[in-house]
Amino acid sequence: MSSKSIEERVAGIEERQKSMKIRQDEIYQVVRAIEHSNQVGRSEMDNQGIRLSCQSPP
């Protein structure tokens, strides 16, 4: 059996959970940024398609 007390073990678990929460929040922010980038890219592509379809033939 380890010499750590229950309080020390609980504190260690709480610290790991805090770190996991921080990483989860960071990953969420990255995913949101990628999603936003994809939406902007689609919008720009749609605008290009509209411009191309509105141009008169040569």
PDB file of N, CA and C in Angstrom:
ATOM      1  N   MET A   1       0.850  -1.189   0.000  1.00  0.00           N
ATOM      2  CA  MET A   1       0.000   0.000   0.000  1.00  0.00           C
ATOM      3  C   MET A   1       0.889   1.243   0.000  1.00  0.00           C
ATOM      4  N   SER A   2       0.435   2.238  -0.686  1.00  0.00           N
ATOM      5  CA  SER A   2       1.193   3.483  -0.793  1.00  0.00           C
ATOM      6  C   SER A   2       1.142   4.257   0.525  1.00  0.00           C
ATOM      7  N   SER A   3       2.172   5.074   0.731  1.00  0.00           N
ATOM      8  CA  SER A   3       2.225   5.856   1.966  1.00  0.00           C
ATOM      9  C   SER A   3       1.415   7.155   1.870  1.00  0.00           C
ATOM     10  N   LYS A   4       0.841   7.429   0.692  1.00  0.00           N
ATOM     11  CA  LYS A   4       0.043   8.652   0.545  1.00  0.00           C
ATOM     12  C   LYS A   4      -1.270   8.524   1.298  1.00  0.00           C
ATOM     13  N   SER A   5      -1.666   9.624   1.886  1.00  0.00           N
ATOM     14  CA  SER A   5      -2.944   9.632   2.588  1.00  0.00           C
ATOM     15  C   SER A   5      -4.082   9.780   1.576  1.00  0.00           C
ATOM     16  N   ILE A   6      -5.252   9.498   2.032  1.00  0.00           N
ATOM     17  CA  ILE A   6      -6.434   9.633   1.180  1.00  0.00           C
ATOM     18  C   ILE A   6      -6.581  11.071   0.708  1.00  0.00           C
ATOM     19  N   GLU A   7      -6.304  12.026   1.592  1.00  0.00           N
ATOM     20  CA  GLU A   7      -6.419  13.439   1.237  1.00  0.00           C
ATOM     21  C   GLU A   7      -5.457  13.797   0.096  1.00  0.00           C
ATOM     22  N   GLU A   8      -4.235  13.249   0.178  1.00  0.00           N
ATOM     23  CA  GLU A   8      -3.258  13.520  -0.883  1.00  0.00           C
ATOM     24  C   GLU A   8      -3.696  12.902  -2.204  1.00  0.00           C
ATOM     25  N   ARG A   9      -4.244  11.712  -2.126  1.00  0.00           N
ATOM     26  CA  ARG A   9      -4.734  11.055  -3.347  1.00  0.00           C
ATOM     27  C   ARG A   9      -5.882  11.845  -3.965  1.00  0.00           C
ATOM     28  N   VAL A  10      -6.817  12.273  -3.133  1.00  0.00           N
ATOM     29  CA  VAL A  10      -7.957  13.064  -3.625  1.00  0.00           C
ATOM     30  C   VAL A  10      -7.469  14.373  -4.236  1.00  0.00           C
ATOM     31  N   ALA A  11      -6.500  15.002  -3.589  1.00  0.00           N
ATOM     32  CA  ALA A  11      -5.944  16.250  -4.124  1.00  0.00           C
ATOM     33  C   ALA A  11      -5.298  16.004  -5.484  1.00  0.00           C
ATOM     34  N   GLY A  12      -4.609  14.884  -5.627  1.00  0.00           N
ATOM     35  CA  GLY A  12      -3.991  14.538  -6.902  1.00  0.00           C
ATOM     36  C   GLY A  12      -5.028  14.310  -7.984  1.00  0.00           C
ATOM     37  N   ILE A  13      -6.107  13.619  -7.633  1.00  0.00           N
ATOM     38  CA  ILE A  13      -7.195  13.377  -8.586  1.00  0.00           C
ATOM     39  C   ILE A  13      -7.839  14.696  -8.995  1.00  0.00           C
ATOM     40  N   GLU A  14      -8.072  15.573  -8.031  1.00  0.00           N
ATOM     41  CA  GLU A  14      -8.683  16.869  -8.329  1.00  0.00           C
ATOM     42  C   GLU A  14      -7.787  17.684  -9.264  1.00  0.00           C
ATOM     43  N   GLU A  15      -6.482  17.627  -9.042  1.00  0.00           N
ATOM     44  CA  GLU A  15      -5.548  18.370  -9.894  1.00  0.00           C
ATOM     45  C   GLU A  15      -5.562  17.822 -11.318  1.00  0.00           C
ATOM     46  N   ARG A  16      -5.612  16.497 -11.448  1.00  0.00           N
ATOM     47  CA  ARG A  16      -5.680  15.898 -12.788  1.00  0.00           C
ATOM     48  C   ARG A  16      -6.984  16.263 -13.487  1.00  0.00           C
ATOM     49  N   GLN A  17      -8.084  16.284 -12.737  1.00  0.00           N
ATOM     50  CA  GLN A  17      -9.369  16.670 -13.320  1.00  0.00           C
ATOM     51  C   GLN A  17      -9.342  18.123 -13.781  1.00  0.00           C
ATOM     52  N   LYS A  18      -8.710  18.979 -12.996  1.00  0.00           N
ATOM     53  CA  LYS A  18      -8.593  20.391 -13.369  1.00  0.00           C
ATOM     54  C   LYS A  18      -7.799  20.522 -14.669  1.00  0.00           C
ATOM     55  N   SER A  19      -6.696  19.777 -14.775  1.00  0.00           N
ATOM     56  CA  SER A  19      -5.879  19.809 -15.987  1.00  0.00           C
ATOM     57  C   SER A  19      -6.666  19.293 -17.188  1.00  0.00           C
ATOM     58  N   MET A  20      -7.444  18.227 -16.973  1.00  0.00           N
ATOM     59  CA  MET A  20      -8.257  17.684 -18.064  1.00  0.00           C
ATOM     60  C   MET A  20      -9.302  18.693 -18.510  1.00  0.00           C
ATOM     61  N   LYS A  21      -9.902  19.402 -17.573  1.00  0.00           N
ATOM     62  CA  LYS A  21     -10.912  20.421 -17.908  1.00  0.00           C
ATOM     63  C   LYS A  21     -10.285  21.536 -18.729  1.00  0.00           C
ATOM     64  N   ILE A  22      -9.085  21.962 -18.345  1.00  0.00           N
ATOM     65  CA  ILE A  22      -8.387  23.010 -19.092  1.00  0.00           C
ATOM     66  C   ILE A  22      -8.109  22.529 -20.515  1.00  0.00           C
ATOM     67  N   ARG A  23      -7.604  21.311 -20.652  1.00  0.00           N
ATOM     68  CA  ARG A  23      -7.330  20.771 -21.986  1.00  0.00           C
ATOM     69  C   ARG A  23      -8.599  20.627 -22.795  1.00  0.00           C
ATOM     70  N   GLN A  24      -9.675  20.205 -22.152  1.00  0.00           N
ATOM     71  CA  GLN A  24     -10.955  20.067 -22.843  1.00  0.00           C
ATOM     72  C   GLN A  24     -11.415  21.431 -23.367  1.00  0.00           C
ATOM     73  N   ASP A  25     -11.285  22.470 -22.548  1.00  0.00           N
ATOM     74  CA  ASP A  25     -11.665  23.818 -22.965  1.00  0.00           C
ATOM     75  C   ASP A  25     -10.807  24.289 -24.132  1.00  0.00           C
ATOM     76  N   GLU A  26      -9.498  23.983 -24.079  1.00  0.00           N
ATOM     77  CA  GLU A  26      -8.602  24.381 -25.169  1.00  0.00           C
ATOM     78  C   GLU A  26      -8.967  23.666 -26.457  1.00  0.00           C
ATOM     79  N   ILE A  27      -9.251  22.373 -26.373  1.00  0.00           N
ATOM     80  CA  ILE A  27      -9.636  21.606 -27.568  1.00  0.00           C
ATOM     81  C   ILE A  27     -10.942  22.145 -28.125  1.00  0.00           C
ATOM     82  N   TYR A  28     -11.889  22.472 -27.260  1.00  0.00           N
ATOM     83  CA  TYR A  28     -13.172  23.027 -27.708  1.00  0.00           C
ATOM     84  C   TYR A  28     -12.953  24.328 -28.474  1.00  0.00           C
ATOM     85  N   GLN A  29     -12.078  25.193 -27.963  1.00  0.00           N
ATOM     86  CA  GLN A  29     -11.800  26.457 -28.642  1.00  0.00           C
ATOM     87  C   GLN A  29     -11.177  26.223 -30.016  1.00  0.00           C
ATOM     88  N   VAL A  30     -10.283  25.247 -30.118  1.00  0.00           N
ATOM     89  CA  VAL A  30      -9.666  24.930 -31.407  1.00  0.00           C
ATOM     90  C   VAL A  30     -10.723  24.412 -32.385  1.00  0.00           C
ATOM     91  N   VAL A  31     -11.595  23.534 -31.909  1.00  0.00           N
ATOM     92  CA  VAL A  31     -12.651  22.991 -32.764  1.00  0.00           C
ATOM     93  C   VAL A  31     -13.578  24.108 -33.233  1.00  0.00           C
ATOM     94  N   ARG A  32     -13.923  25.010 -32.334  1.00  0.00           N
ATOM     95  CA  ARG A  32     -14.784  26.148 -32.727  1.00  0.00           C
ATOM     96  C   ARG A  32     -14.101  27.030 -33.777  1.00  0.00           C
ATOM     97  N   ALA A  33     -12.790  27.257 -33.616  1.00  0.00           N
ATOM     98  CA  ALA A  33     -12.045  28.066 -34.582  1.00  0.00           C
ATOM     99  C   ALA A  33     -12.016  27.378 -35.942  1.00  0.00           C
ATOM    100  N   ILE A  34     -11.831  26.068 -35.954  1.00  0.00           N
ATOM    101  CA  ILE A  34     -11.833  25.323 -37.221  1.00  0.00           C
ATOM    102  C   ILE A  34     -13.210  25.390 -37.860  1.00  0.00           C
ATOM    103  N   GLU A  35     -14.241  25.212 -37.061  1.00  0.00           N
ATOM    104  CA  GLU A  35     -15.610  25.291 -37.579  1.00  0.00           C
ATOM    105  C   GLU A  35     -15.877  26.668 -38.180  1.00  0.00           C
ATOM    106  N   HIS A  36     -15.461  27.721 -37.493  1.00  0.00           N
ATOM    107  CA  HIS A  36     -15.644  29.080 -37.997  1.00  0.00           C
ATOM    108  C   HIS A  36     -14.880  29.267 -39.310  1.00  0.00           C
ATOM    109  N   SER A  37     -13.662  28.788 -39.346  1.00  0.00           N
ATOM    110  CA  SER A  37     -12.847  28.898 -40.555  1.00  0.00           C
ATOM    111  C   SER A  37     -13.519  28.187 -41.724  1.00  0.00           C
ATOM    112  N   ASN A  38     -14.064  27.011 -41.468  1.00  0.00           N
ATOM    113  CA  ASN A  38     -14.755  26.269 -42.522  1.00  0.00           C
ATOM    114  C   ASN A  38     -15.985  27.025 -43.006  1.00  0.00           C
ATOM    115  N   GLN A  39     -16.716  27.637 -42.084  1.00  0.00           N
ATOM    116  CA  GLN A  39     -17.910  28.396 -42.480  1.00  0.00           C
ATOM    117  C   GLN A  39     -17.524  29.606 -43.312  1.00  0.00           C
ATOM    118  N   VAL A  40     -16.483  30.302 -42.921  1.00  0.00           N
ATOM    119  CA  VAL A  40     -16.015  31.465 -43.683  1.00  0.00           C
ATOM    120  C   VAL A  40     -15.555  31.015 -45.065  1.00  0.00           C
ATOM    121  N   GLY A  41     -14.821  29.907 -45.128  1.00  0.00           N
ATOM    122  CA  GLY A  41     -14.354  29.387 -46.412  1.00  0.00           C
ATOM    123  C   GLY A  41     -15.500  29.028 -47.330  1.00  0.00           C
ATOM    124  N   ARG A  42     -16.531  28.384 -46.781  1.00  0.00           N
ATOM    125  CA  ARG A  42     -17.710  28.045 -47.604  1.00  0.00           C
ATOM    126  C   ARG A  42     -18.394  29.306 -48.091  1.00  0.00           C
ATOM    127  N   SER A  43     -18.501  30.300 -47.221  1.00  0.00           N
ATOM    128  CA  SER A  43     -19.139  31.550 -47.607  1.00  0.00           C
ATOM    129  C   SER A  43     -18.363  32.224 -48.730  1.00  0.00           C
ATOM    130  N   GLU A  44     -17.032  32.237 -48.617  1.00  0.00           N
ATOM    131  CA  GLU A  44     -16.213  32.842 -49.664  1.00  0.00           C
ATOM    132  C   GLU A  44     -16.349  32.073 -50.972  1.00  0.00           C
ATOM    133  N   MET A  45     -16.423  30.742 -50.884  1.00  0.00           N
ATOM    134  CA  MET A  45     -16.593  29.943 -52.100  1.00  0.00           C
ATOM    135  C   MET A  45     -17.958  30.224 -52.723  1.00  0.00           C
ATOM    136  N   ASP A  46     -18.992  30.354 -51.893  1.00  0.00           N
ATOM    137  CA  ASP A  46     -20.326  30.672 -52.405  1.00  0.00           C
ATOM    138  C   ASP A  46     -20.315  32.028 -53.098  1.00  0.00           C
ATOM    139  N   ASN A  47     -19.630  33.012 -52.497  1.00  0.00           N
ATOM    140  CA  ASN A  47     -19.556  34.329 -53.113  1.00  0.00           C
ATOM    141  C   ASN A  47     -18.839  34.263 -54.451  1.00  0.00           C
ATOM    142  N   GLN A  48     -17.778  33.469 -54.540  1.00  0.00           N
ATOM    143  CA  GLN A  48     -17.071  33.305 -55.811  1.00  0.00           C
ATOM    144  C   GLN A  48     -17.996  32.676 -56.840  1.00  0.00           C
ATOM    145  N   GLY A  49     -18.765  31.683 -56.415  1.00  0.00           N
ATOM    146  CA  GLY A  49     -19.701  31.035 -57.334  1.00  0.00           C
ATOM    147  C   GLY A  49     -20.745  32.013 -57.828  1.00  0.00           C
ATOM    148  N   ILE A  50     -21.227  32.895 -56.970  1.00  0.00           N
ATOM    149  CA  ILE A  50     -22.211  33.893 -57.373  1.00  0.00           C
ATOM    150  C   ILE A  50     -21.584  34.867 -58.364  1.00  0.00           C
ATOM    151  N   ARG A  51     -20.365  35.301 -58.089  1.00  0.00           N
ATOM    152  CA  ARG A  51     -19.682  36.219 -59.004  1.00  0.00           C
ATOM    153  C   ARG A  51     -19.473  35.578 -60.357  1.00  0.00           C
ATOM    154  N   LEU A  52     -19.068  34.302 -60.364  1.00  0.00           N
ATOM    155  CA  LEU A  52     -18.834  33.617 -61.638  1.00  0.00           C
ATOM    156  C   LEU A  52     -20.131  33.454 -62.405  1.00  0.00           C
ATOM    157  N   SER A  53     -21.229  33.160 -61.706  1.00  0.00           N
ATOM    158  CA  SER A  53     -22.498  32.948 -62.401  1.00  0.00           C
ATOM    159  C   SER A  53     -23.115  34.271 -62.867  1.00  0.00           C
ATOM    160  N   CYS A  54     -22.711  35.382 -62.263  1.00  0.00           N
ATOM    161  CA  CYS A  54     -23.263  36.677 -62.646  1.00  0.00           C
ATOM    162  C   CYS A  54     -22.467  37.351 -63.776  1.00  0.00           C
ATOM    163  N   GLN A  55     -21.303  36.849 -64.067  1.00  0.00           N
ATOM    164  CA  GLN A  55     -20.497  37.472 -65.121  1.00  0.00           C
ATOM    165  C   GLN A  55     -21.123  37.144 -66.477  1.00  0.00           C
ATOM    166  N   SER A  56     -21.059  38.122 -67.373  1.00  0.00           N
ATOM    167  CA  SER A  56     -21.576  37.881 -68.722  1.00  0.00           C
ATOM    168  C   SER A  56     -20.572  37.077 -69.524  1.00  0.00           C
ATOM    169  N   PRO A  57     -21.046  36.243 -70.443  1.00  0.00           N
ATOM    170  CA  PRO A  57     -20.122  35.455 -71.243  1.00  0.00           C
ATOM    171  C   PRO A  57     -19.284  36.351 -72.157  1.00  0.00           C
ATOM    172  N   PRO A  58     -18.044  35.901 -72.466  1.00  0.00           N
ATOM    173  CA  PRO A  58     -17.177  36.736 -73.301  1.00  0.00           C
ATOM    174  C   PRO A  58     -17.664  36.850 -74.730  1.00  0.00           C
TER     175      PRO A  58
END
